[in-house]
């Protein structure tokens, strides 16, 4: 693809990927997709730029709505629903196993009392 047609953010991402060959390897191993890496890079890059601008005093208010919305967007982005679903499923499985184990122990106690 002609690099002149690429969006400036995509060009910056390509430079970033060139500097991080371990990320390229993760894509080849199918641990991450380029889309996931781009989104992570974009959000961290965007927020780091906002912090730099803020530290230079270009933002008028420390509690501006734009800053708050940006933080919320970043928080929502890092909220990986697939991981949370897997965690909840694992915890649910552990609780079910604990219930089965406790029910078995309770049954053994009842049997010991009646013998």
PDB file of N, CA and C in Angstrom:
ATOM      1  N   UNK A   1       0.842  -1.178   0.000  1.00  0.00           N
ATOM      2  CA  UNK A   1       0.000   0.000   0.000  1.00  0.00           C
ATOM      3  C   UNK A   1       0.881   1.233   0.000  1.00  0.00           C
ATOM      4  N   UNK A   2       0.467   2.211  -0.733  1.00  0.00           N
ATOM      5  CA  UNK A   2       1.211   3.461  -0.836  1.00  0.00           C
ATOM      6  C   UNK A   2       1.153   4.184   0.506  1.00  0.00           C
ATOM      7  N   UNK A   3       2.325   4.501   1.085  1.00  0.00           N
ATOM      8  CA  UNK A   3       2.358   5.119   2.405  1.00  0.00           C
ATOM      9  C   UNK A   3       1.803   6.530   2.400  1.00  0.00           C
ATOM     10  N   UNK A   4       1.692   7.151   1.224  1.00  0.00           N
ATOM     11  CA  UNK A   4       1.115   8.493   1.155  1.00  0.00           C
ATOM     12  C   UNK A   4      -0.389   8.465   1.417  1.00  0.00           C
ATOM     13  N   UNK A   5      -1.019   7.323   1.206  1.00  0.00           N
ATOM     14  CA  UNK A   5      -2.459   7.206   1.410  1.00  0.00           C
ATOM     15  C   UNK A   5      -2.815   6.895   2.853  1.00  0.00           C
ATOM     16  N   UNK A   6      -1.819   6.547   3.659  1.00  0.00           N
ATOM     17  CA  UNK A   6      -2.093   6.171   5.039  1.00  0.00           C
ATOM     18  C   UNK A   6      -2.387   7.386   5.906  1.00  0.00           C
ATOM     19  N   UNK A   7      -3.250   7.175   6.846  1.00  0.00           N
ATOM     20  CA  UNK A   7      -3.565   8.203   7.839  1.00  0.00           C
ATOM     21  C   UNK A   7      -2.309   8.458   8.676  1.00  0.00           C
ATOM     22  N   UNK A   8      -2.085   9.690   9.116  1.00  0.00           N
ATOM     23  CA  UNK A   8      -0.885   9.995   9.909  1.00  0.00           C
ATOM     24  C   UNK A   8      -0.747   9.134  11.166  1.00  0.00           C
ATOM     25  N   UNK A   9      -1.869   8.800  11.808  1.00  0.00           N
ATOM     26  CA  UNK A   9      -1.807   7.945  12.999  1.00  0.00           C
ATOM     27  C   UNK A   9      -1.308   6.549  12.636  1.00  0.00           C
ATOM     28  N   UNK A  10      -1.738   6.045  11.490  1.00  0.00           N
ATOM     29  CA  UNK A  10      -1.296   4.715  11.049  1.00  0.00           C
ATOM     30  C   UNK A  10       0.196   4.746  10.747  1.00  0.00           C
ATOM     31  N   UNK A  11       0.667   5.841  10.166  1.00  0.00           N
ATOM     32  CA  UNK A  11       2.101   5.974   9.901  1.00  0.00           C
ATOM     33  C   UNK A  11       2.891   5.951  11.204  1.00  0.00           C
ATOM     34  N   UNK A  12       2.397   6.682  12.217  1.00  0.00           N
ATOM     35  CA  UNK A  12       3.078   6.689  13.523  1.00  0.00           C
ATOM     36  C   UNK A  12       3.059   5.300  14.148  1.00  0.00           C
ATOM     37  N   UNK A  13       1.954   4.589  13.972  1.00  0.00           N
ATOM     38  CA  UNK A  13       1.855   3.234  14.510  1.00  0.00           C
ATOM     39  C   UNK A  13       2.856   2.304  13.830  1.00  0.00           C
ATOM     40  N   UNK A  14       3.025   2.463  12.540  1.00  0.00           N
ATOM     41  CA  UNK A  14       4.007   1.637  11.822  1.00  0.00           C
ATOM     42  C   UNK A  14       5.413   1.878  12.367  1.00  0.00           C
ATOM     43  N   UNK A  15       5.748   3.131  12.636  1.00  0.00           N
ATOM     44  CA  UNK A  15       7.055   3.460  13.219  1.00  0.00           C
ATOM     45  C   UNK A  15       7.185   2.819  14.597  1.00  0.00           C
ATOM     46  N   UNK A  16       6.118   2.901  15.382  1.00  0.00           N
ATOM     47  CA  UNK A  16       6.099   2.291  16.712  1.00  0.00           C
ATOM     48  C   UNK A  16       6.328   0.772  16.623  1.00  0.00           C
ATOM     49  N   UNK A  17       5.654   0.127  15.682  1.00  0.00           N
ATOM     50  CA  UNK A  17       5.804  -1.322  15.523  1.00  0.00           C
ATOM     51  C   UNK A  17       7.221  -1.692  15.098  1.00  0.00           C
ATOM     52  N   UNK A  18       7.846  -0.859  14.272  1.00  0.00           N
ATOM     53  CA  UNK A  18       9.224  -1.109  13.860  1.00  0.00           C
ATOM     54  C   UNK A  18      10.165  -1.078  15.061  1.00  0.00           C
ATOM     55  N   UNK A  19       9.849  -0.245  16.031  1.00  0.00           N
ATOM     56  CA  UNK A  19      10.680  -0.118  17.233  1.00  0.00           C
ATOM     57  C   UNK A  19      10.422  -1.235  18.250  1.00  0.00           C
ATOM     58  N   UNK A  20       9.350  -2.009  18.050  1.00  0.00           N
ATOM     59  CA  UNK A  20       8.961  -3.058  18.995  1.00  0.00           C
ATOM     60  C   UNK A  20       8.765  -4.397  18.270  1.00  0.00           C
ATOM     61  N   UNK A  21       9.861  -5.071  17.937  1.00  0.00           N
ATOM     62  CA  UNK A  21       9.735  -6.347  17.210  1.00  0.00           C
ATOM     63  C   UNK A  21       9.029  -7.437  18.023  1.00  0.00           C
ATOM     64  N   UNK A  22       9.044  -7.312  19.347  1.00  0.00           N
ATOM     65  CA  UNK A  22       8.336  -8.300  20.163  1.00  0.00           C
ATOM     66  C   UNK A  22       6.835  -8.269  19.907  1.00  0.00           C
ATOM     67  N   UNK A  23       6.310  -7.095  19.576  1.00  0.00           N
ATOM     68  CA  UNK A  23       4.881  -7.005  19.258  1.00  0.00           C
ATOM     69  C   UNK A  23       4.572  -7.662  17.923  1.00  0.00           C
ATOM     70  N   UNK A  24       5.500  -7.518  16.974  1.00  0.00           N
ATOM     71  CA  UNK A  24       5.322  -8.197  15.681  1.00  0.00           C
ATOM     72  C   UNK A  24       5.275  -9.703  15.884  1.00  0.00           C
ATOM     73  N   UNK A  25       6.139 -10.198  16.766  1.00  0.00           N
ATOM     74  CA  UNK A  25       6.171 -11.636  17.041  1.00  0.00           C
ATOM     75  C   UNK A  25       4.870 -12.094  17.688  1.00  0.00           C
ATOM     76  N   UNK A  26       4.317 -11.261  18.567  1.00  0.00           N
ATOM     77  CA  UNK A  26       3.046 -11.608  19.212  1.00  0.00           C
ATOM     78  C   UNK A  26       1.929 -11.723  18.176  1.00  0.00           C
ATOM     79  N   UNK A  27       1.968 -10.882  17.149  1.00  0.00           N
ATOM     80  CA  UNK A  27       0.970 -10.959  16.080  1.00  0.00           C
ATOM     81  C   UNK A  27       1.168 -12.239  15.282  1.00  0.00           C
ATOM     82  N   UNK A  28       2.420 -12.558  14.986  1.00  0.00           N
ATOM     83  CA  UNK A  28       2.688 -13.783  14.223  1.00  0.00           C
ATOM     84  C   UNK A  28       2.266 -15.019  14.998  1.00  0.00           C
ATOM     85  N   UNK A  29       2.426 -14.990  16.329  1.00  0.00           N
ATOM     86  CA  UNK A  29       2.012 -16.123  17.169  1.00  0.00           C
ATOM     87  C   UNK A  29       0.508 -16.108  17.442  1.00  0.00           C
ATOM     88  N   UNK A  30      -0.171 -15.114  16.900  1.00  0.00           N
ATOM     89  CA  UNK A  30      -1.618 -14.929  17.033  1.00  0.00           C
ATOM     90  C   UNK A  30      -2.046 -14.715  18.487  1.00  0.00           C
ATOM     91  N   UNK A  31      -1.154 -14.105  19.275  1.00  0.00           N
ATOM     92  CA  UNK A  31      -1.494 -13.739  20.647  1.00  0.00           C
ATOM     93  C   UNK A  31      -2.300 -12.444  20.665  1.00  0.00           C
ATOM     94  N   UNK A  32      -2.024 -11.574  19.705  1.00  0.00           N
ATOM     95  CA  UNK A  32      -2.720 -10.297  19.564  1.00  0.00           C
ATOM     96  C   UNK A  32      -2.953 -10.051  18.081  1.00  0.00           C
ATOM     97  N   UNK A  33      -3.938  -9.230  17.789  1.00  0.00           N
ATOM     98  CA  UNK A  33      -4.148  -8.819  16.406  1.00  0.00           C
ATOM     99  C   UNK A  33      -3.581  -7.416  16.230  1.00  0.00           C
ATOM    100  N   UNK A  34      -3.320  -7.051  14.989  1.00  0.00           N
ATOM    101  CA  UNK A  34      -2.848  -5.694  14.719  1.00  0.00           C
ATOM    102  C   UNK A  34      -3.882  -4.672  15.158  1.00  0.00           C
ATOM    103  N   UNK A  35      -5.142  -4.999  15.000  1.00  0.00           N
ATOM    104  CA  UNK A  35      -6.207  -4.087  15.421  1.00  0.00           C
ATOM    105  C   UNK A  35      -6.130  -3.837  16.927  1.00  0.00           C
ATOM    106  N   UNK A  36      -5.964  -4.908  17.716  1.00  0.00           N
ATOM    107  CA  UNK A  36      -5.855  -4.749  19.165  1.00  0.00           C
ATOM    108  C   UNK A  36      -4.649  -3.892  19.534  1.00  0.00           C
ATOM    109  N   UNK A  37      -3.515  -4.188  18.911  1.00  0.00           N
ATOM    110  CA  UNK A  37      -2.303  -3.423  19.198  1.00  0.00           C
ATOM    111  C   UNK A  37      -2.457  -1.959  18.807  1.00  0.00           C
ATOM    112  N   UNK A  38      -3.083  -1.725  17.643  1.00  0.00           N
ATOM    113  CA  UNK A  38      -3.289  -0.348  17.212  1.00  0.00           C
ATOM    114  C   UNK A  38      -4.173   0.394  18.202  1.00  0.00           C
ATOM    115  N   UNK A  39      -5.256  -0.240  18.640  1.00  0.00           N
ATOM    116  CA  UNK A  39      -6.171   0.425  19.570  1.00  0.00           C
ATOM    117  C   UNK A  39      -5.473   0.721  20.896  1.00  0.00           C
ATOM    118  N   UNK A  40      -4.705  -0.249  21.407  1.00  0.00           N
ATOM    119  CA  UNK A  40      -3.967  -0.020  22.643  1.00  0.00           C
ATOM    120  C   UNK A  40      -2.976   1.127  22.461  1.00  0.00           C
ATOM    121  N   UNK A  41      -2.243   1.080  21.359  1.00  0.00           N
ATOM    122  CA  UNK A  41      -1.260   2.134  21.083  1.00  0.00           C
ATOM    123  C   UNK A  41      -1.957   3.482  20.957  1.00  0.00           C
ATOM    124  N   UNK A  42      -3.056   3.519  20.226  1.00  0.00           N
ATOM    125  CA  UNK A  42      -3.766   4.775  19.994  1.00  0.00           C
ATOM    126  C   UNK A  42      -4.208   5.400  21.311  1.00  0.00           C
ATOM    127  N   UNK A  43      -4.801   4.586  22.192  1.00  0.00           N
ATOM    128  CA  UNK A  43      -5.291   5.139  23.452  1.00  0.00           C
ATOM    129  C   UNK A  43      -4.141   5.589  24.342  1.00  0.00           C
ATOM    130  N   UNK A  44      -3.100   4.804  24.440  1.00  0.00           N
ATOM    131  CA  UNK A  44      -1.976   5.210  25.291  1.00  0.00           C
ATOM    132  C   UNK A  44      -1.262   6.404  24.680  1.00  0.00           C
ATOM    133  N   UNK A  45      -1.125   6.433  23.363  1.00  0.00           N
ATOM    134  CA  UNK A  45      -0.474   7.545  22.674  1.00  0.00           C
ATOM    135  C   UNK A  45      -1.298   8.820  22.865  1.00  0.00           C
ATOM    136  N   UNK A  46      -2.593   8.708  22.711  1.00  0.00           N
ATOM    137  CA  UNK A  46      -3.478   9.865  22.837  1.00  0.00           C
ATOM    138  C   UNK A  46      -3.448  10.422  24.259  1.00  0.00           C
ATOM    139  N   UNK A  47      -3.513   9.511  25.249  1.00  0.00           N
ATOM    140  CA  UNK A  47      -3.524   9.972  26.630  1.00  0.00           C
ATOM    141  C   UNK A  47      -2.173  10.531  27.051  1.00  0.00           C
ATOM    142  N   UNK A  48      -1.090   9.973  26.534  1.00  0.00           N
ATOM    143  CA  UNK A  48       0.222  10.523  26.880  1.00  0.00           C
ATOM    144  C   UNK A  48       0.376  11.917  26.276  1.00  0.00           C
ATOM    145  N   UNK A  49      -0.172  12.139  25.078  1.00  0.00           N
ATOM    146  CA  UNK A  49      -0.135  13.473  24.481  1.00  0.00           C
ATOM    147  C   UNK A  49      -0.957  14.467  25.303  1.00  0.00           C
ATOM    148  N   UNK A  50      -2.118  14.007  25.806  1.00  0.00           N
ATOM    149  CA  UNK A  50      -2.947  14.881  26.629  1.00  0.00           C
ATOM    150  C   UNK A  50      -2.223  15.247  27.924  1.00  0.00           C
ATOM    151  N   UNK A  51      -1.527  14.272  28.518  1.00  0.00           N
ATOM    152  CA  UNK A  51      -0.794  14.548  29.754  1.00  0.00           C
ATOM    153  C   UNK A  51       0.333  15.542  29.503  1.00  0.00           C
ATOM    154  N   UNK A  52       1.015  15.393  28.372  1.00  0.00           N
ATOM    155  CA  UNK A  52       2.093  16.328  28.040  1.00  0.00           C
ATOM    156  C   UNK A  52       1.537  17.731  27.864  1.00  0.00           C
ATOM    157  N   UNK A  53       0.417  17.839  27.159  1.00  0.00           N
ATOM    158  CA  UNK A  53      -0.198  19.150  26.943  1.00  0.00           C
ATOM    159  C   UNK A  53      -0.646  19.747  28.274  1.00  0.00           C
ATOM    160  N   UNK A  54      -1.174  18.906  29.128  1.00  0.00           N
ATOM    161  CA  UNK A  54      -1.645  19.371  30.424  1.00  0.00           C
ATOM    162  C   UNK A  54      -0.460  19.844  31.277  1.00  0.00           C
ATOM    163  N   UNK A  55       0.627  19.119  31.243  1.00  0.00           N
ATOM    164  CA  UNK A  55       1.785  19.498  32.048  1.00  0.00           C
ATOM    165  C   UNK A  55       2.399  20.807  31.559  1.00  0.00           C
ATOM    166  N   UNK A  56       2.214  21.133  30.296  1.00  0.00           N
ATOM    167  CA  UNK A  56       2.695  22.405  29.756  1.00  0.00           C
ATOM    168  C   UNK A  56       1.734  23.550  30.043  1.00  0.00           C
ATOM    169  N   UNK A  57       0.596  23.219  30.611  1.00  0.00           N
ATOM    170  CA  UNK A  57      -0.353  24.260  30.984  1.00  0.00           C
ATOM    171  C   UNK A  57      -1.250  24.715  29.863  1.00  0.00           C
ATOM    172  N   UNK A  58      -1.414  23.907  28.832  1.00  0.00           N
ATOM    173  CA  UNK A  58      -2.261  24.326  27.722  1.00  0.00           C
ATOM    174  C   UNK A  58      -3.735  24.105  28.004  1.00  0.00           C
ATOM    175  N   UNK A  59      -4.053  23.238  28.982  1.00  0.00           N
ATOM    176  CA  UNK A  59      -5.447  23.043  29.333  1.00  0.00           C
ATOM    177  C   UNK A  59      -5.806  24.038  30.432  1.00  0.00           C
ATOM    178  N   UNK A  60      -6.972  24.591  30.348  1.00  0.00           N
ATOM    179  CA  UNK A  60      -7.353  25.649  31.277  1.00  0.00           C
ATOM    180  C   UNK A  60      -7.766  25.118  32.637  1.00  0.00           C
ATOM    181  N   UNK A  61      -8.316  23.929  32.697  1.00  0.00           N
ATOM    182  CA  UNK A  61      -8.835  23.411  33.957  1.00  0.00           C
ATOM    183  C   UNK A  61      -8.405  21.973  34.147  1.00  0.00           C
ATOM    184  N   UNK A  62      -7.996  21.650  35.394  1.00  0.00           N
ATOM    185  CA  UNK A  62      -7.554  20.273  35.655  1.00  0.00           C
ATOM    186  C   UNK A  62      -8.727  19.310  35.666  1.00  0.00           C
ATOM    187  N   UNK A  63      -9.917  19.775  35.931  1.00  0.00           N
ATOM    188  CA  UNK A  63     -11.072  18.894  35.982  1.00  0.00           C
ATOM    189  C   UNK A  63     -11.976  19.079  34.781  1.00  0.00           C
ATOM    190  N   UNK A  64     -11.426  19.378  33.619  1.00  0.00           N
ATOM    191  CA  UNK A  64     -12.248  19.631  32.440  1.00  0.00           C
ATOM    192  C   UNK A  64     -12.993  18.370  32.013  1.00  0.00           C
ATOM    193  N   UNK A  65     -14.128  18.582  31.379  1.00  0.00           N
ATOM    194  CA  UNK A  65     -14.935  17.456  30.910  1.00  0.00           C
ATOM    195  C   UNK A  65     -14.187  16.622  29.885  1.00  0.00           C
ATOM    196  N   UNK A  66     -13.426  17.264  29.025  1.00  0.00           N
ATOM    197  CA  UNK A  66     -12.672  16.516  28.022  1.00  0.00           C
ATOM    198  C   UNK A  66     -11.702  15.539  28.654  1.00  0.00           C
ATOM    199  N   UNK A  67     -11.054  15.976  29.719  1.00  0.00           N
ATOM    200  CA  UNK A  67     -10.113  15.103  30.431  1.00  0.00           C
ATOM    201  C   UNK A  67     -10.850  13.936  31.082  1.00  0.00           C
ATOM    202  N   UNK A  68     -11.976  14.235  31.689  1.00  0.00           N
ATOM    203  CA  UNK A  68     -12.765  13.192  32.350  1.00  0.00           C
ATOM    204  C   UNK A  68     -13.277  12.182  31.333  1.00  0.00           C
ATOM    205  N   UNK A  69     -13.807  12.673  30.226  1.00  0.00           N
ATOM    206  CA  UNK A  69     -14.307  11.777  29.174  1.00  0.00           C
ATOM    207  C   UNK A  69     -13.167  10.924  28.625  1.00  0.00           C
ATOM    208  N   UNK A  70     -12.008  11.541  28.415  1.00  0.00           N
ATOM    209  CA  UNK A  70     -10.848  10.790  27.927  1.00  0.00           C
ATOM    210  C   UNK A  70     -10.449   9.682  28.871  1.00  0.00           C
ATOM    211  N   UNK A  71     -10.468   9.969  30.167  1.00  0.00           N
ATOM    212  CA  UNK A  71     -10.130   8.947  31.160  1.00  0.00           C
ATOM    213  C   UNK A  71     -11.156   7.818  31.149  1.00  0.00           C
ATOM    214  N   UNK A  72     -12.433   8.189  31.034  1.00  0.00           N
ATOM    215  CA  UNK A  72     -13.485   7.165  30.984  1.00  0.00           C
ATOM    216  C   UNK A  72     -13.353   6.300  29.735  1.00  0.00           C
ATOM    217  N   UNK A  73     -13.040   6.924  28.606  1.00  0.00           N
ATOM    218  CA  UNK A  73     -12.840   6.155  27.375  1.00  0.00           C
ATOM    219  C   UNK A  73     -11.693   5.176  27.546  1.00  0.00           C
ATOM    220  N   UNK A  74     -10.599   5.635  28.133  1.00  0.00           N
ATOM    221  CA  UNK A  74      -9.452   4.759  28.365  1.00  0.00           C
ATOM    222  C   UNK A  74      -9.803   3.619  29.301  1.00  0.00           C
ATOM    223  N   UNK A  75     -10.564   3.925  30.342  1.00  0.00           N
ATOM    224  CA  UNK A  75     -10.981   2.898  31.289  1.00  0.00           C
ATOM    225  C   UNK A  75     -11.871   1.862  30.618  1.00  0.00           C
ATOM    226  N   UNK A  76     -12.829   2.331  29.819  1.00  0.00           N
ATOM    227  CA  UNK A  76     -13.706   1.402  29.116  1.00  0.00           C
ATOM    228  C   UNK A  76     -12.943   0.562  28.107  1.00  0.00           C
ATOM    229  N   UNK A  77     -11.927   1.170  27.482  1.00  0.00           N
ATOM    230  CA  UNK A  77     -11.144   0.405  26.519  1.00  0.00           C
ATOM    231  C   UNK A  77     -10.372  -0.719  27.212  1.00  0.00           C
ATOM    232  N   UNK A  78      -9.821  -0.429  28.379  1.00  0.00           N
ATOM    233  CA  UNK A  78      -9.035  -1.457  29.068  1.00  0.00           C
ATOM    234  C   UNK A  78      -9.915  -2.535  29.679  1.00  0.00           C
ATOM    235  N   UNK A  79     -11.213  -2.282  29.749  1.00  0.00           N
ATOM    236  CA  UNK A  79     -12.147  -3.262  30.283  1.00  0.00           C
ATOM    237  C   UNK A  79     -12.399  -4.315  29.211  1.00  0.00           C
ATOM    238  N   UNK A  80     -11.607  -5.357  29.245  1.00  0.00           N
ATOM    239  CA  UNK A  80     -11.689  -6.414  28.246  1.00  0.00           C
ATOM    240  C   UNK A  80     -12.785  -7.385  28.654  1.00  0.00           C
ATOM    241  N   UNK A  81     -13.902  -7.327  27.971  1.00  0.00           N
ATOM    242  CA  UNK A  81     -15.080  -8.115  28.345  1.00  0.00           C
ATOM    243  C   UNK A  81     -14.824  -9.617  28.250  1.00  0.00           C
ATOM    244  N   UNK A  82     -14.023 -10.046  27.288  1.00  0.00           N
ATOM    245  CA  UNK A  82     -13.746 -11.477  27.152  1.00  0.00           C
ATOM    246  C   UNK A  82     -13.004 -12.007  28.377  1.00  0.00           C
ATOM    247  N   UNK A  83     -12.023 -11.246  28.852  1.00  0.00           N
ATOM    248  CA  UNK A  83     -11.276 -11.677  30.036  1.00  0.00           C
ATOM    249  C   UNK A  83     -12.173 -11.712  31.259  1.00  0.00           C
ATOM    250  N   UNK A  84     -13.035 -10.682  31.408  1.00  0.00           N
ATOM    251  CA  UNK A  84     -13.934 -10.656  32.556  1.00  0.00           C
ATOM    252  C   UNK A  84     -14.929 -11.813  32.497  1.00  0.00           C
ATOM    253  N   UNK A  85     -15.458 -12.110  31.320  1.00  0.00           N
ATOM    254  CA  UNK A  85     -16.375 -13.240  31.195  1.00  0.00           C
ATOM    255  C   UNK A  85     -15.684 -14.543  31.568  1.00  0.00           C
ATOM    256  N   UNK A  86     -14.432 -14.708  31.136  1.00  0.00           N
ATOM    257  CA  UNK A  86     -13.695 -15.922  31.467  1.00  0.00           C
ATOM    258  C   UNK A  86     -13.435 -16.009  32.974  1.00  0.00           C
ATOM    259  N   UNK A  87     -13.070 -14.875  33.584  1.00  0.00           N
ATOM    260  CA  UNK A  87     -12.828 -14.858  35.022  1.00  0.00           C
ATOM    261  C   UNK A  87     -14.089 -15.212  35.794  1.00  0.00           C
ATOM    262  N   UNK A  88     -15.195 -14.622  35.399  1.00  0.00           N
ATOM    263  CA  UNK A  88     -16.466 -14.893  36.075  1.00  0.00           C
ATOM    264  C   UNK A  88     -16.854 -16.351  35.906  1.00  0.00           C
ATOM    265  N   UNK A  89     -16.641 -16.883  34.726  1.00  0.00           N
ATOM    266  CA  UNK A  89     -16.939 -18.289  34.472  1.00  0.00           C
ATOM    267  C   UNK A  89     -16.064 -19.190  35.348  1.00  0.00           C
ATOM    268  N   UNK A  90     -14.784 -18.865  35.460  1.00  0.00           N
ATOM    269  CA  UNK A  90     -13.875 -19.650  36.307  1.00  0.00           C
ATOM    270  C   UNK A  90     -14.301 -19.600  37.773  1.00  0.00           C
ATOM    271  N   UNK A  91     -14.649 -18.410  38.242  1.00  0.00           N
ATOM    272  CA  UNK A  91     -15.079 -18.261  39.632  1.00  0.00           C
ATOM    273  C   UNK A  91     -16.371 -19.029  39.872  1.00  0.00           C
ATOM    274  N   UNK A  92     -17.285 -18.964  38.912  1.00  0.00           N
ATOM    275  CA  UNK A  92     -18.540 -19.693  39.040  1.00  0.00           C
ATOM    276  C   UNK A  92     -18.267 -21.197  39.127  1.00  0.00           C
ATOM    277  N   UNK A  93     -17.351 -21.681  38.306  1.00  0.00           N
ATOM    278  CA  UNK A  93     -16.994 -23.096  38.355  1.00  0.00           C
ATOM    279  C   UNK A  93     -16.392 -23.489  39.700  1.00  0.00           C
ATOM    280  N   UNK A  94     -15.538 -22.616  40.234  1.00  0.00           N
ATOM    281  CA  UNK A  94     -14.935 -22.904  41.543  1.00  0.00           C
ATOM    282  C   UNK A  94     -16.002 -22.935  42.635  1.00  0.00           C
ATOM    283  N   UNK A  95     -16.957 -22.004  42.571  1.00  0.00           N
ATOM    284  CA  UNK A  95     -18.025 -21.984  43.569  1.00  0.00           C
ATOM    285  C   UNK A  95     -18.900 -23.235  43.476  1.00  0.00           C
ATOM    286  N   UNK A  96     -19.176 -23.681  42.264  1.00  0.00           N
ATOM    287  CA  UNK A  96     -19.960 -24.903  42.087  1.00  0.00           C
ATOM    288  C   UNK A  96     -19.230 -26.104  42.663  1.00  0.00           C
ATOM    289  N   UNK A  97     -17.906 -26.147  42.429  1.00  0.00           N
ATOM    290  CA  UNK A  97     -17.111 -27.257  42.984  1.00  0.00           C
ATOM    291  C   UNK A  97     -17.109 -27.197  44.519  1.00  0.00           C
ATOM    292  N   UNK A  98     -17.013 -26.002  45.074  1.00  0.00           N
ATOM    293  CA  UNK A  98     -17.044 -25.855  46.530  1.00  0.00           C
ATOM    294  C   UNK A  98     -18.394 -26.310  47.081  1.00  0.00           C
ATOM    295  N   UNK A  99     -19.479 -25.969  46.394  1.00  0.00           N
ATOM    296  CA  UNK A  99     -20.807 -26.397  46.836  1.00  0.00           C
ATOM    297  C   UNK A  99     -20.929 -27.913  46.806  1.00  0.00           C
ATOM    298  N   UNK A 100     -20.434 -28.531  45.756  1.00  0.00           N
ATOM    299  CA  UNK A 100     -20.480 -29.986  45.648  1.00  0.00           C
ATOM    300  C   UNK A 100     -19.658 -30.621  46.766  1.00  0.00           C
ATOM    301  N   UNK A 101     -18.482 -30.080  47.013  1.00  0.00           N
ATOM    302  CA  UNK A 101     -17.607 -30.603  48.067  1.00  0.00           C
ATOM    303  C   UNK A 101     -18.269 -30.469  49.438  1.00  0.00           C
ATOM    304  N   UNK A 102     -18.839 -29.280  49.711  1.00  0.00           N
ATOM    305  CA  UNK A 102     -19.497 -29.066  51.002  1.00  0.00           C
ATOM    306  C   UNK A 102     -20.738 -29.942  51.156  1.00  0.00           C
ATOM    307  N   UNK A 103     -21.475 -30.121  50.072  1.00  0.00           N
ATOM    308  CA  UNK A 103     -22.653 -30.996  50.128  1.00  0.00           C
ATOM    309  C   UNK A 103     -22.221 -32.428  50.432  1.00  0.00           C
ATOM    310  N   UNK A 104     -21.104 -32.849  49.851  1.00  0.00           N
ATOM    311  CA  UNK A 104     -20.585 -34.192  50.134  1.00  0.00           C
ATOM    312  C   UNK A 104     -20.153 -34.329  51.578  1.00  0.00           C
ATOM    313  N   UNK A 105     -19.509 -33.305  52.109  1.00  0.00           N
ATOM    314  CA  UNK A 105     -19.089 -33.341  53.514  1.00  0.00           C
ATOM    315  C   UNK A 105     -20.306 -33.373  54.434  1.00  0.00           C
ATOM    316  N   UNK A 106     -21.321 -32.621  54.094  1.00  0.00           N
ATOM    317  CA  UNK A 106     -22.544 -32.591  54.888  1.00  0.00           C
ATOM    318  C   UNK A 106     -23.213 -33.967  54.875  1.00  0.00           C
ATOM    319  N   UNK A 107     -23.229 -34.587  53.725  1.00  0.00           N
ATOM    320  CA  UNK A 107     -23.817 -35.930  53.606  1.00  0.00           C
ATOM    321  C   UNK A 107     -23.049 -36.935  54.454  1.00  0.00           C
ATOM    322  N   UNK A 108     -21.713 -36.836  54.442  1.00  0.00           N
ATOM    323  CA  UNK A 108     -20.886 -37.733  55.269  1.00  0.00           C
ATOM    324  C   UNK A 108     -21.170 -37.534  56.757  1.00  0.00           C
ATOM    325  N   UNK A 109     -21.333 -36.293  57.186  1.00  0.00           N
ATOM    326  CA  UNK A 109     -21.641 -35.995  58.589  1.00  0.00           C
ATOM    327  C   UNK A 109     -23.000 -36.596  58.977  1.00  0.00           C
ATOM    328  N   UNK A 110     -23.986 -36.487  58.121  1.00  0.00           N
ATOM    329  CA  UNK A 110     -25.299 -37.059  58.396  1.00  0.00           C
ATOM    330  C   UNK A 110     -25.187 -38.572  58.522  1.00  0.00           C
ATOM    331  N   UNK A 111     -24.430 -39.190  57.611  1.00  0.00           N
ATOM    332  CA  UNK A 111     -24.279 -40.642  57.649  1.00  0.00           C
ATOM    333  C   UNK A 111     -23.557 -41.081  58.929  1.00  0.00           C
ATOM    334  N   UNK A 112     -22.583 -40.314  59.381  1.00  0.00           N
ATOM    335  CA  UNK A 112     -21.861 -40.670  60.616  1.00  0.00           C
ATOM    336  C   UNK A 112     -22.775 -40.564  61.828  1.00  0.00           C
ATOM    337  N   UNK A 113     -23.667 -39.602  61.859  1.00  0.00           N
ATOM    338  CA  UNK A 113     -24.572 -39.417  62.981  1.00  0.00           C
ATOM    339  C   UNK A 113     -25.584 -40.547  63.101  1.00  0.00           C
ATOM    340  N   UNK A 114     -26.015 -41.073  61.960  1.00  0.00           N
ATOM    341  CA  UNK A 114     -27.045 -42.104  61.980  1.00  0.00           C
ATOM    342  C   UNK A 114     -26.487 -43.497  62.149  1.00  0.00           C
ATOM    343  N   UNK A 115     -25.203 -43.673  62.150  1.00  0.00           N
ATOM    344  CA  UNK A 115     -24.627 -45.023  62.300  1.00  0.00           C
ATOM    345  C   UNK A 115     -24.386 -45.351  63.728  1.00  0.00           C
TER     346      UNK A 115
END
